[in-house]
Amino acid sequence: MLKRLVILFPLIVVVSACTPRVELAMPSEPITINLNVKIDHQIRVKVDQQLDDIFNDESGLF
């Protein structure tokens, strides 16, 4: 009986140590998304309007 326990105990320890463990936990801090975005569409619209004024049909360039 003692021989079986001596053989069985290390086997149980090894098998229990190898079982995978999955843990789901909520983060302690909220998720922060930092967006460093440069918006320059307004500048392009102004330049496009100025170019339209320069190259319109009444300017006589073309």
PDB file of N, CA and C in Angstrom:
ATOM      1  N   MET A   1       0.823  -1.196   0.000  1.00  0.00           N
ATOM      2  CA  MET A   1       0.000   0.000   0.000  1.00  0.00           C
ATOM      3  C   MET A   1       0.869   1.263   0.000  1.00  0.00           C
ATOM      4  N   LEU A   2       1.926   1.262   0.777  1.00  0.00           N
ATOM      5  CA  LEU A   2       2.802   2.413   0.865  1.00  0.00           C
ATOM      6  C   LEU A   2       3.550   2.639  -0.439  1.00  0.00           C
ATOM      7  N   LYS A   3       3.901   1.548  -1.117  1.00  0.00           N
ATOM      8  CA  LYS A   3       4.573   1.673  -2.404  1.00  0.00           C
ATOM      9  C   LYS A   3       3.674   2.368  -3.423  1.00  0.00           C
ATOM     10  N   ARG A   4       2.401   2.028  -3.393  1.00  0.00           N
ATOM     11  CA  ARG A   4       1.449   2.659  -4.331  1.00  0.00           C
ATOM     12  C   ARG A   4       1.324   4.156  -4.057  1.00  0.00           C
ATOM     13  N   LEU A   5       1.277   4.527  -2.811  1.00  0.00           N
ATOM     14  CA  LEU A   5       1.178   5.952  -2.462  1.00  0.00           C
ATOM     15  C   LEU A   5       2.440   6.696  -2.861  1.00  0.00           C
ATOM     16  N   VAL A   6       3.585   6.070  -2.687  1.00  0.00           N
ATOM     17  CA  VAL A   6       4.844   6.705  -3.046  1.00  0.00           C
ATOM     18  C   VAL A   6       4.911   6.924  -4.552  1.00  0.00           C
ATOM     19  N   ILE A   7       4.385   6.008  -5.327  1.00  0.00           N
ATOM     20  CA  ILE A   7       4.379   6.142  -6.784  1.00  0.00           C
ATOM     21  C   ILE A   7       3.246   7.059  -7.233  1.00  0.00           C
ATOM     22  N   LEU A   8       2.107   6.959  -6.601  1.00  0.00           N
ATOM     23  CA  LEU A   8       0.923   7.714  -7.016  1.00  0.00           C
ATOM     24  C   LEU A   8       1.013   9.194  -6.643  1.00  0.00           C
ATOM     25  N   PHE A   9       1.575   9.538  -5.512  1.00  0.00           N
ATOM     26  CA  PHE A   9       1.643  10.931  -5.070  1.00  0.00           C
ATOM     27  C   PHE A   9       2.447  11.818  -6.029  1.00  0.00           C
ATOM     28  N   PRO A  10       3.665  11.461  -6.437  1.00  0.00           N
ATOM     29  CA  PRO A  10       4.383  12.310  -7.413  1.00  0.00           C
ATOM     30  C   PRO A  10       3.658  12.403  -8.750  1.00  0.00           C
ATOM     31  N   LEU A  11       2.993  11.325  -9.139  1.00  0.00           N
ATOM     32  CA  LEU A  11       2.243  11.349 -10.384  1.00  0.00           C
ATOM     33  C   LEU A  11       1.088  12.350 -10.308  1.00  0.00           C
ATOM     34  N   ILE A  12       0.393  12.375  -9.193  1.00  0.00           N
ATOM     35  CA  ILE A  12      -0.717  13.326  -9.008  1.00  0.00           C
ATOM     36  C   ILE A  12      -0.186  14.758  -8.987  1.00  0.00           C
ATOM     37  N   VAL A  13       0.935  14.989  -8.342  1.00  0.00           N
ATOM     38  CA  VAL A  13       1.529  16.325  -8.287  1.00  0.00           C
ATOM     39  C   VAL A  13       1.931  16.794  -9.680  1.00  0.00           C
ATOM     40  N   VAL A  14       2.545  15.919 -10.460  1.00  0.00           N
ATOM     41  CA  VAL A  14       2.978  16.283 -11.811  1.00  0.00           C
ATOM     42  C   VAL A  14       1.780  16.566 -12.699  1.00  0.00           C
ATOM     43  N   VAL A  15       0.759  15.729 -12.627  1.00  0.00           N
ATOM     44  CA  VAL A  15      -0.429  15.916 -13.478  1.00  0.00           C
ATOM     45  C   VAL A  15      -1.175  17.188 -13.084  1.00  0.00           C
ATOM     46  N   SER A  16      -1.288  17.477 -11.821  1.00  0.00           N
ATOM     47  CA  SER A  16      -2.013  18.684 -11.405  1.00  0.00           C
ATOM     48  C   SER A  16      -1.223  19.953 -11.723  1.00  0.00           C
ATOM     49  N   ALA A  17       0.092  19.863 -11.771  1.00  0.00           N
ATOM     50  CA  ALA A  17       0.918  21.027 -12.097  1.00  0.00           C
ATOM     51  C   ALA A  17       0.861  21.348 -13.578  1.00  0.00           C
ATOM     52  N   CYS A  18       0.516  20.404 -14.402  1.00  0.00           N
ATOM     53  CA  CYS A  18       0.500  20.601 -15.852  1.00  0.00           C
ATOM     54  C   CYS A  18      -0.866  21.012 -16.399  1.00  0.00           C
ATOM     55  N   THR A  19      -1.864  21.122 -15.577  1.00  0.00           N
ATOM     56  CA  THR A  19      -3.183  21.496 -16.080  1.00  0.00           C
ATOM     57  C   THR A  19      -3.182  22.978 -16.437  1.00  0.00           C
ATOM     58  N   PRO A  20      -3.717  23.327 -17.597  1.00  0.00           N
ATOM     59  CA  PRO A  20      -3.744  24.742 -17.993  1.00  0.00           C
ATOM     60  C   PRO A  20      -4.732  25.532 -17.148  1.00  0.00           C
ATOM     61  N   ARG A  21      -4.427  26.782 -16.952  1.00  0.00           N
ATOM     62  CA  ARG A  21      -5.291  27.650 -16.151  1.00  0.00           C
ATOM     63  C   ARG A  21      -5.652  28.873 -16.987  1.00  0.00           C
ATOM     64  N   VAL A  22      -6.926  29.112 -17.139  1.00  0.00           N
ATOM     65  CA  VAL A  22      -7.410  30.267 -17.883  1.00  0.00           C
ATOM     66  C   VAL A  22      -8.072  31.202 -16.892  1.00  0.00           C
ATOM     67  N   GLU A  23      -7.657  32.468 -16.929  1.00  0.00           N
ATOM     68  CA  GLU A  23      -8.203  33.434 -15.989  1.00  0.00           C
ATOM     69  C   GLU A  23      -8.726  34.638 -16.755  1.00  0.00           C
ATOM     70  N   LEU A  24      -9.956  35.002 -16.487  1.00  0.00           N
ATOM     71  CA  LEU A  24     -10.557  36.191 -17.086  1.00  0.00           C
ATOM     72  C   LEU A  24     -10.706  37.241 -15.998  1.00  0.00           C
ATOM     73  N   ALA A  25     -10.151  38.409 -16.257  1.00  0.00           N
ATOM     74  CA  ALA A  25     -10.228  39.477 -15.260  1.00  0.00           C
ATOM     75  C   ALA A  25     -10.453  40.804 -15.959  1.00  0.00           C
ATOM     76  N   MET A  26     -11.213  41.652 -15.328  1.00  0.00           N
ATOM     77  CA  MET A  26     -11.446  42.991 -15.857  1.00  0.00           C
ATOM     78  C   MET A  26     -10.224  43.846 -15.545  1.00  0.00           C
ATOM     79  N   PRO A  27      -9.854  44.747 -16.471  1.00  0.00           N
ATOM     80  CA  PRO A  27      -8.706  45.617 -16.181  1.00  0.00           C
ATOM     81  C   PRO A  27      -9.052  46.597 -15.062  1.00  0.00           C
ATOM     82  N   SER A  28      -8.037  46.950 -14.286  1.00  0.00           N
ATOM     83  CA  SER A  28      -8.277  47.862 -13.171  1.00  0.00           C
ATOM     84  C   SER A  28      -8.455  49.303 -13.640  1.00  0.00           C
ATOM     85  N   GLU A  29      -7.866  49.638 -14.805  1.00  0.00           N
ATOM     86  CA  GLU A  29      -7.988  50.985 -15.364  1.00  0.00           C
ATOM     87  C   GLU A  29      -8.780  50.918 -16.667  1.00  0.00           C
ATOM     88  N   PRO A  30      -9.497  51.971 -17.015  1.00  0.00           N
ATOM     89  CA  PRO A  30     -10.216  51.954 -18.286  1.00  0.00           C
ATOM     90  C   PRO A  30      -9.253  51.964 -19.470  1.00  0.00           C
ATOM     91  N   ILE A  31      -9.710  51.434 -20.577  1.00  0.00           N
ATOM     92  CA  ILE A  31      -8.902  51.401 -21.789  1.00  0.00           C
ATOM     93  C   ILE A  31      -8.864  52.798 -22.381  1.00  0.00           C
ATOM     94  N   THR A  32      -7.664  53.304 -22.636  1.00  0.00           N
ATOM     95  CA  THR A  32      -7.483  54.637 -23.189  1.00  0.00           C
ATOM     96  C   THR A  32      -6.902  54.514 -24.586  1.00  0.00           C
ATOM     97  N   ILE A  33      -7.554  55.164 -25.547  1.00  0.00           N
ATOM     98  CA  ILE A  33      -7.059  55.182 -26.916  1.00  0.00           C
ATOM     99  C   ILE A  33      -6.611  56.602 -27.216  1.00  0.00           C
ATOM    100  N   ASN A  34      -5.329  56.762 -27.463  1.00  0.00           N
ATOM    101  CA  ASN A  34      -4.766  58.080 -27.733  1.00  0.00           C
ATOM    102  C   ASN A  34      -4.645  58.239 -29.241  1.00  0.00           C
ATOM    103  N   LEU A  35      -5.384  59.156 -29.802  1.00  0.00           N
ATOM    104  CA  LEU A  35      -5.361  59.391 -31.241  1.00  0.00           C
ATOM    105  C   LEU A  35      -4.667  60.715 -31.517  1.00  0.00           C
ATOM    106  N   ASN A  36      -3.472  60.627 -32.050  1.00  0.00           N
ATOM    107  CA  ASN A  36      -2.754  61.828 -32.454  1.00  0.00           C
ATOM    108  C   ASN A  36      -3.002  62.017 -33.945  1.00  0.00           C
ATOM    109  N   VAL A  37      -4.047  62.739 -34.284  1.00  0.00           N
ATOM    110  CA  VAL A  37      -4.447  62.915 -35.670  1.00  0.00           C
ATOM    111  C   VAL A  37      -4.364  64.390 -36.016  1.00  0.00           C
ATOM    112  N   LYS A  38      -3.694  64.664 -37.097  1.00  0.00           N
ATOM    113  CA  LYS A  38      -3.598  66.046 -37.550  1.00  0.00           C
ATOM    114  C   LYS A  38      -4.648  66.242 -38.647  1.00  0.00           C
ATOM    115  N   ILE A  39      -5.533  67.179 -38.434  1.00  0.00           N
ATOM    116  CA  ILE A  39      -6.607  67.445 -39.394  1.00  0.00           C
ATOM    117  C   ILE A  39      -6.248  68.716 -40.152  1.00  0.00           C
ATOM    118  N   ASP A  40      -6.068  68.571 -41.463  1.00  0.00           N
ATOM    119  CA  ASP A  40      -5.704  69.725 -42.273  1.00  0.00           C
ATOM    120  C   ASP A  40      -6.602  69.861 -43.491  1.00  0.00           C
ATOM    121  N   HIS A  41      -7.781  69.286 -43.450  1.00  0.00           N
ATOM    122  CA  HIS A  41      -8.668  69.346 -44.609  1.00  0.00           C
ATOM    123  C   HIS A  41      -9.193  70.758 -44.850  1.00  0.00           C
ATOM    124  N   GLN A  42      -9.321  71.551 -43.822  1.00  0.00           N
ATOM    125  CA  GLN A  42      -9.827  72.906 -43.993  1.00  0.00           C
ATOM    126  C   GLN A  42      -8.834  73.750 -44.795  1.00  0.00           C
ATOM    127  N   ILE A  43      -7.563  73.570 -44.574  1.00  0.00           N
ATOM    128  CA  ILE A  43      -6.541  74.315 -45.312  1.00  0.00           C
ATOM    129  C   ILE A  43      -6.591  73.962 -46.786  1.00  0.00           C
ATOM    130  N   ARG A  44      -6.761  72.705 -47.100  1.00  0.00           N
ATOM    131  CA  ARG A  44      -6.830  72.269 -48.488  1.00  0.00           C
ATOM    132  C   ARG A  44      -8.050  72.848 -49.201  1.00  0.00           C
ATOM    133  N   VAL A  45      -9.160  72.916 -48.492  1.00  0.00           N
ATOM    134  CA  VAL A  45     -10.372  73.486 -49.090  1.00  0.00           C
ATOM    135  C   VAL A  45     -10.158  74.960 -49.411  1.00  0.00           C
ATOM    136  N   LYS A  46      -9.504  75.691 -48.516  1.00  0.00           N
ATOM    137  CA  LYS A  46      -9.255  77.103 -48.764  1.00  0.00           C
ATOM    138  C   LYS A  46      -8.334  77.288 -49.966  1.00  0.00           C
ATOM    139  N   VAL A  47      -7.294  76.473 -50.070  1.00  0.00           N
ATOM    140  CA  VAL A  47      -6.379  76.569 -51.202  1.00  0.00           C
ATOM    141  C   VAL A  47      -7.104  76.207 -52.495  1.00  0.00           C
ATOM    142  N   ASP A  48      -7.928  75.174 -52.467  1.00  0.00           N
ATOM    143  CA  ASP A  48      -8.687  74.784 -53.653  1.00  0.00           C
ATOM    144  C   ASP A  48      -9.628  75.910 -54.095  1.00  0.00           C
ATOM    145  N   GLN A  49     -10.256  76.584 -53.159  1.00  0.00           N
ATOM    146  CA  GLN A  49     -11.149  77.689 -53.518  1.00  0.00           C
ATOM    147  C   GLN A  49     -10.355  78.842 -54.116  1.00  0.00           C
ATOM    148  N   GLN A  50      -9.188  79.114 -53.568  1.00  0.00           N
ATOM    149  CA  GLN A  50      -8.364  80.196 -54.120  1.00  0.00           C
ATOM    150  C   GLN A  50      -7.887  79.848 -55.528  1.00  0.00           C
ATOM    151  N   LEU A  51      -7.501  78.594 -55.739  1.00  0.00           N
ATOM    152  CA  LEU A  51      -7.071  78.179 -57.077  1.00  0.00           C
ATOM    153  C   LEU A  51      -8.230  78.232 -58.071  1.00  0.00           C
ATOM    154  N   ASP A  52      -9.425  77.885 -57.634  1.00  0.00           N
ATOM    155  CA  ASP A  52     -10.593  77.985 -58.516  1.00  0.00           C
ATOM    156  C   ASP A  52     -10.846  79.444 -58.907  1.00  0.00           C
ATOM    157  N   ASP A  53     -10.651  80.349 -57.969  1.00  0.00           N
ATOM    158  CA  ASP A  53     -10.831  81.768 -58.291  1.00  0.00           C
ATOM    159  C   ASP A  53      -9.784  82.251 -59.286  1.00  0.00           C
ATOM    160  N   ILE A  54      -8.549  81.750 -59.161  1.00  0.00           N
ATOM    161  CA  ILE A  54      -7.475  82.166 -60.079  1.00  0.00           C
ATOM    162  C   ILE A  54      -7.704  81.602 -61.463  1.00  0.00           C
ATOM    163  N   PHE A  55      -8.081  80.331 -61.549  1.00  0.00           N
ATOM    164  CA  PHE A  55      -8.182  79.665 -62.847  1.00  0.00           C
ATOM    165  C   PHE A  55      -9.627  79.606 -63.372  1.00  0.00           C
ATOM    166  N   ASN A  56     -10.481  80.502 -62.991  1.00  0.00           N
ATOM    167  CA  ASN A  56     -11.834  80.483 -63.528  1.00  0.00           C
ATOM    168  C   ASN A  56     -11.849  81.016 -64.973  1.00  0.00           C
ATOM    169  N   ASP A  57     -12.974  80.905 -65.632  1.00  0.00           N
ATOM    170  CA  ASP A  57     -13.069  81.281 -67.048  1.00  0.00           C
ATOM    171  C   ASP A  57     -12.877  82.777 -67.280  1.00  0.00           C
ATOM    172  N   GLU A  58     -13.220  83.607 -66.318  1.00  0.00           N
ATOM    173  CA  GLU A  58     -13.135  85.055 -66.507  1.00  0.00           C
ATOM    174  C   GLU A  58     -11.733  85.604 -66.260  1.00  0.00           C
ATOM    175  N   SER A  59     -10.810  84.772 -65.736  1.00  0.00           N
ATOM    176  CA  SER A  59      -9.495  85.323 -65.409  1.00  0.00           C
ATOM    177  C   SER A  59      -8.652  85.592 -66.642  1.00  0.00           C
ATOM    178  N   GLY A  60      -8.928  84.904 -67.729  1.00  0.00           N
ATOM    179  CA  GLY A  60      -8.196  85.127 -68.961  1.00  0.00           C
ATOM    180  C   GLY A  60      -6.847  84.423 -69.026  1.00  0.00           C
ATOM    181  N   LEU A  61      -6.539  83.569 -68.091  1.00  0.00           N
ATOM    182  CA  LEU A  61      -5.271  82.849 -68.123  1.00  0.00           C
ATOM    183  C   LEU A  61      -5.262  81.758 -69.195  1.00  0.00           C
ATOM    184  N   PHE A  62      -6.399  81.153 -69.434  1.00  0.00           N
ATOM    185  CA  PHE A  62      -6.464  80.070 -70.437  1.00  0.00           C
ATOM    186  C   PHE A  62      -7.419  80.424 -71.543  1.00  0.00           C
TER     187      PHE A  62
END
